Amino acid sequence: LVTELKGDFSEEKIISVNLTNLGKKLFKLKLKSNFIDSLSPSIIKSGIWQKEQFRRYDVSINVPKIYTAKRHFVNQARDYIKQIWLDLGFKEMKGPLLDTSFWNFDSLFVPQDHPARDLQDTFFIKGIGKLPDKALVKRVKETHENGWTTNSEGWKYKWSEEEAKKLVLRTHTTILSAKTIASLKKEDLPCKFFSVGKCFRNEAIDWKHSFEFNQVEGIVIDENVNFKHLLGYLKEYYKK
């Protein structure tokens, strides 16, 4: 019985409910309704659970997925950045976080006495790494010592192979560019690559600085590209 008041008058509606045939059958069975749905500390302490029955659940039935956590905003940003480069036709470069000083410094023409290679700036790890093929090592060595075929005079010092073998947590992702370029063949050209990855520097930690950060970079290897192409890629990247 539902009563509704409307101004000075009241209006009554009578609603009747009937059991369906299935409901009538279930009613005759006189099913027990006081099942335990979930355990609680009070139920366990009182010992009620030993006398009552637990509600049955079908563990094989499909249920909606519940995601109780969210991805970290830095990982979200990294994935978003990756998709931009992929949309521009770039391929992703990947590599280990720990590598040799040869790839991290020497291959990029960083002299072995450069301040960036000091302990206060870089994380060196105990042990020594393996250098690439001798031909590449020789070219890098000669470039440092006398310029090789670059028409420069190099750094004019005796290059140390032992220094190049030192293991270091990569200080930039340009190490990936160096390794990628070194592995390319003529039939691979033209090509373009990108990387989004963690780097490590021995920085003083405060509210806005950490010893690790993410670096983004891209390289295009093509004899027909020029400065306008670079501006075009950067403009499109930041527009997205």
Protein backbone atom coordinates (compact mmCIF):
# COMPACT_ATOMS: atom_id res chain seq x y z
CA LEU A 1 0.00 0.00 0.00
CA VAL A 2 1.53 3.29 -1.14
CA THR A 3 0.08 6.62 -0.04
CA GLU A 4 0.99 9.86 -1.82
CA LEU A 5 0.00 13.28 -0.48
CA LYS A 6 -0.95 15.83 -3.14
CA GLY A 7 -2.00 19.16 -1.72
CA ASP A 8 -5.13 18.73 0.43
CA PHE A 9 -5.79 15.28 -0.97
CA SER A 10 -4.12 11.93 -0.66
CA GLU A 11 -3.91 9.30 -3.34
CA GLU A 12 -3.44 5.62 -2.54
CA LYS A 13 -2.01 2.98 -4.82
CA ILE A 14 -2.34 -0.71 -4.04
CA ILE A 15 0.56 -2.82 -5.39
CA SER A 16 0.31 -6.61 -5.29
CA VAL A 17 3.25 -8.98 -5.72
CA ASN A 18 2.94 -12.65 -6.72
CA LEU A 19 5.55 -15.39 -6.71
CA THR A 20 6.57 -16.89 -10.02
CA ASN A 21 6.35 -20.64 -10.51
CA LEU A 22 10.06 -20.93 -9.77
CA GLY A 23 9.59 -18.86 -6.62
CA LYS A 24 6.80 -21.14 -5.45
CA LYS A 25 9.00 -24.21 -5.93
CA LEU A 26 11.85 -22.62 -3.99
CA PHE A 27 9.45 -21.58 -1.22
CA LYS A 28 8.32 -25.20 -0.76
CA LEU A 29 11.93 -26.32 -0.36
CA LYS A 30 12.26 -24.08 2.71
CA LEU A 31 15.86 -23.21 1.91
CA LYS A 32 18.12 -22.00 4.66
CA SER A 33 18.98 -18.31 4.30
CA ASN A 34 21.33 -17.57 7.20
CA PHE A 35 24.57 -18.54 5.47
CA ILE A 36 27.92 -16.98 6.32
CA ASP A 37 29.03 -14.82 3.39
CA SER A 38 32.41 -13.80 4.74
CA LEU A 39 34.55 -14.39 7.79
CA SER A 40 35.21 -11.69 10.36
CA PRO A 41 37.34 -11.67 13.55
CA SER A 42 34.20 -11.82 15.72
CA ILE A 43 32.85 -14.88 13.87
CA ILE A 44 36.16 -16.68 14.25
CA LYS A 45 36.51 -15.84 17.98
CA SER A 46 32.93 -16.85 18.82
CA GLY A 47 33.21 -20.18 17.02
CA ILE A 48 29.93 -19.62 15.14
CA TRP A 49 31.60 -20.65 11.90
CA GLN A 50 31.88 -24.23 13.22
CA LYS A 51 28.09 -24.59 13.40
CA GLU A 52 26.86 -22.47 10.50
CA GLN A 53 27.06 -23.14 6.79
CA PHE A 54 29.01 -21.03 4.31
CA ARG A 55 27.49 -19.68 1.14
CA ARG A 56 28.74 -21.58 -1.90
CA TYR A 57 30.54 -19.75 -4.71
CA ASP A 58 31.25 -20.89 -8.23
CA VAL A 59 34.97 -20.12 -8.55
CA SER A 60 34.96 -21.04 -12.25
CA ILE A 61 32.37 -18.46 -13.31
CA ASN A 62 33.47 -15.40 -15.32
CA VAL A 63 33.53 -12.27 -13.20
CA PRO A 64 34.46 -8.67 -14.08
CA LYS A 65 38.16 -7.85 -13.73
CA ILE A 66 38.96 -5.36 -10.99
CA TYR A 67 42.12 -3.29 -11.37
CA THR A 68 43.00 -2.04 -7.91
CA ALA A 69 46.19 -0.25 -8.98
CA LYS A 70 47.19 2.33 -11.57
CA ARG A 71 50.33 2.59 -13.64
CA HIS A 72 52.93 5.05 -12.40
CA PHE A 73 52.66 8.41 -14.14
CA VAL A 74 56.30 8.21 -15.31
CA ASN A 75 55.61 4.89 -17.05
CA GLN A 76 52.46 6.38 -18.57
CA ALA A 77 54.52 9.28 -19.94
CA ARG A 78 57.18 6.89 -21.30
CA ASP A 79 54.55 4.82 -23.15
CA TYR A 80 52.94 7.99 -24.54
CA ILE A 81 56.33 9.23 -25.80
CA LYS A 82 57.10 5.83 -27.35
CA GLN A 83 53.84 5.88 -29.28
CA ILE A 84 54.66 9.31 -30.75
CA TRP A 85 57.96 8.08 -32.15
CA LEU A 86 56.38 4.88 -33.44
CA ASP A 87 53.71 6.94 -35.20
CA LEU A 88 56.52 8.91 -36.88
CA GLY A 89 57.99 5.67 -38.24
CA PHE A 90 60.90 5.31 -35.82
CA LYS A 91 62.12 1.99 -34.43
CA GLU A 92 62.90 1.62 -30.74
CA MET A 93 66.45 1.08 -29.50
CA LYS A 94 66.90 -1.01 -26.36
CA GLY A 95 69.90 -2.03 -24.31
CA PRO A 96 71.20 -2.93 -20.85
CA LEU A 97 71.44 -0.38 -18.04
CA LEU A 98 74.97 -1.61 -17.28
CA ASP A 99 77.59 -1.46 -20.02
CA THR A 100 81.26 -0.74 -20.66
CA SER A 101 82.91 2.66 -20.59
CA PHE A 102 83.87 1.95 -24.21
CA TRP A 103 80.29 2.31 -25.40
CA ASN A 104 79.20 4.86 -22.82
CA PHE A 105 82.17 7.22 -23.32
CA ASP A 106 84.92 6.19 -25.73
CA SER A 107 82.71 5.46 -28.73
CA LEU A 108 81.23 8.96 -28.32
CA PHE A 109 84.72 10.55 -28.33
CA VAL A 110 84.67 11.43 -24.62
CA PRO A 111 88.34 11.53 -23.52
CA GLN A 112 89.37 9.16 -20.77
CA ASP A 113 90.38 12.05 -18.49
CA HIS A 114 87.07 13.89 -18.88
CA PRO A 115 85.42 15.08 -15.60
CA ALA A 116 82.21 13.20 -16.55
CA ARG A 117 84.11 9.96 -15.99
CA ASP A 118 85.02 10.81 -12.39
CA LEU A 119 83.54 8.84 -9.50
CA GLN A 120 81.66 11.90 -8.21
CA ASP A 121 79.61 12.02 -11.43
CA THR A 122 79.30 8.41 -12.54
CA PHE A 123 78.39 5.06 -10.96
CA PHE A 124 81.10 2.54 -11.73
CA ILE A 125 80.46 -1.14 -10.94
CA LYS A 126 83.12 -3.66 -9.88
CA GLY A 127 84.38 -5.93 -12.62
CA ILE A 128 85.36 -5.46 -16.26
CA GLY A 129 83.36 -5.80 -19.44
CA LYS A 130 84.09 -7.19 -22.88
CA LEU A 131 85.07 -4.93 -25.78
CA PRO A 132 83.60 -5.33 -29.29
CA ASP A 133 85.55 -6.55 -32.32
CA LYS A 134 89.18 -5.45 -32.60
CA ALA A 135 88.66 -3.46 -35.80
CA LEU A 136 86.13 -1.15 -34.14
CA VAL A 137 88.26 -0.81 -31.00
CA LYS A 138 91.26 0.12 -33.17
CA ARG A 139 89.32 2.85 -34.99
CA VAL A 140 88.09 4.34 -31.71
CA LYS A 141 91.59 4.12 -30.22
CA GLU A 142 93.21 5.89 -33.18
CA THR A 143 90.48 8.54 -33.24
CA HIS A 144 91.23 9.37 -29.61
CA GLU A 145 94.99 9.35 -30.07
CA ASN A 146 95.51 11.05 -33.45
CA GLY A 147 92.14 11.65 -35.12
CA TRP A 148 92.31 8.55 -37.40
CA THR A 149 90.67 9.57 -40.71
CA THR A 150 88.53 12.40 -39.26
CA ASN A 151 91.01 15.16 -40.21
CA SER A 152 91.28 16.11 -36.53
CA GLU A 153 94.26 15.70 -34.22
CA GLY A 154 92.33 13.64 -31.67
CA TRP A 155 92.95 14.10 -27.95
CA LYS A 156 96.70 13.41 -28.23
CA TYR A 157 97.06 10.90 -25.38
CA LYS A 158 97.66 7.16 -25.06
CA TRP A 159 94.24 5.49 -25.06
CA SER A 160 93.81 2.78 -22.39
CA GLU A 161 91.95 -0.42 -23.20
CA GLU A 162 91.64 -1.23 -19.50
CA GLU A 163 89.89 2.09 -18.86
CA ALA A 164 87.45 1.32 -21.67
CA LYS A 165 86.58 -2.06 -20.10
CA LYS A 166 85.28 -0.51 -16.86
CA LEU A 167 81.59 -1.18 -16.18
CA VAL A 168 79.31 1.78 -15.68
CA LEU A 169 75.59 2.44 -15.19
CA ARG A 170 74.80 4.25 -18.41
CA THR A 171 74.87 8.02 -18.01
CA HIS A 172 72.78 8.65 -21.13
CA THR A 173 70.81 6.75 -23.76
CA THR A 174 73.13 7.98 -26.53
CA ILE A 175 75.05 4.79 -25.83
CA LEU A 176 72.19 3.04 -27.66
CA SER A 177 72.63 5.33 -30.66
CA ALA A 178 76.35 4.53 -30.80
CA LYS A 179 75.76 0.77 -30.63
CA THR A 180 72.94 0.96 -33.19
CA ILE A 181 75.01 2.96 -35.70
CA ALA A 182 77.97 0.59 -35.25
CA SER A 183 75.77 -2.40 -36.12
CA LEU A 184 74.18 -0.91 -39.26
CA LYS A 185 74.89 -2.11 -42.77
CA LYS A 186 74.43 -0.24 -46.05
CA GLU A 187 71.34 -2.27 -46.89
CA ASP A 188 69.74 -1.04 -43.62
CA LEU A 189 69.75 2.57 -44.80
CA PRO A 190 67.89 4.88 -44.66
CA CYS A 191 66.59 4.32 -41.13
CA LYS A 192 65.53 6.16 -38.00
CA PHE A 193 65.54 5.10 -34.35
CA PHE A 194 64.47 6.40 -30.95
CA SER A 195 64.98 5.50 -27.31
CA VAL A 196 63.26 6.32 -24.02
CA GLY A 197 65.23 4.94 -21.13
CA LYS A 198 66.66 5.27 -17.66
CA CYS A 199 70.03 6.90 -17.06
CA PHE A 200 72.09 7.29 -13.90
CA ARG A 201 74.20 10.17 -12.56
CA ASN A 202 75.81 10.54 -9.14
CA GLU A 203 73.74 13.61 -8.23
CA ALA A 204 73.00 15.13 -4.85
CA ILE A 205 69.44 14.00 -4.05
CA ASP A 206 66.82 16.60 -3.12
CA TRP A 207 63.12 17.21 -3.78
CA LYS A 208 63.68 17.74 -7.51
CA HIS A 209 66.82 15.68 -8.20
CA SER A 210 67.43 11.94 -8.16
CA PHE A 211 70.30 9.68 -9.20
CA GLU A 212 68.20 8.34 -12.07
CA PHE A 213 66.21 10.01 -14.83
CA ASN A 214 64.70 9.24 -18.22
CA GLN A 215 66.22 10.47 -21.47
CA VAL A 216 64.53 10.69 -24.87
CA GLU A 217 66.40 10.81 -28.14
CA GLY A 218 66.10 9.98 -31.79
CA ILE A 219 68.51 9.52 -34.70
CA VAL A 220 67.93 9.58 -38.45
CA ILE A 221 70.53 8.07 -40.80
CA ASP A 222 69.87 9.20 -44.34
CA GLU A 223 72.08 11.10 -46.79
CA ASN A 224 69.04 13.06 -48.03
CA VAL A 225 67.95 14.59 -44.69
CA ASN A 226 68.87 18.12 -43.64
CA PHE A 227 68.25 20.68 -40.89
CA LYS A 228 64.64 21.23 -42.02
CA HIS A 229 63.89 17.57 -41.42
CA LEU A 230 65.25 17.91 -37.88
CA LEU A 231 63.01 20.91 -37.23
CA GLY A 232 60.06 19.03 -38.69
CA TYR A 233 60.56 16.02 -36.43
CA LEU A 234 60.97 18.19 -33.33
CA LYS A 235 57.92 20.30 -34.18
CA GLU A 236 55.74 17.21 -34.76
CA TYR A 237 57.03 15.55 -31.59
CA TYR A 238 56.27 18.49 -29.32
CA LYS A 239 52.96 19.17 -31.05
CA LYS A 240 51.85 15.67 -30.03
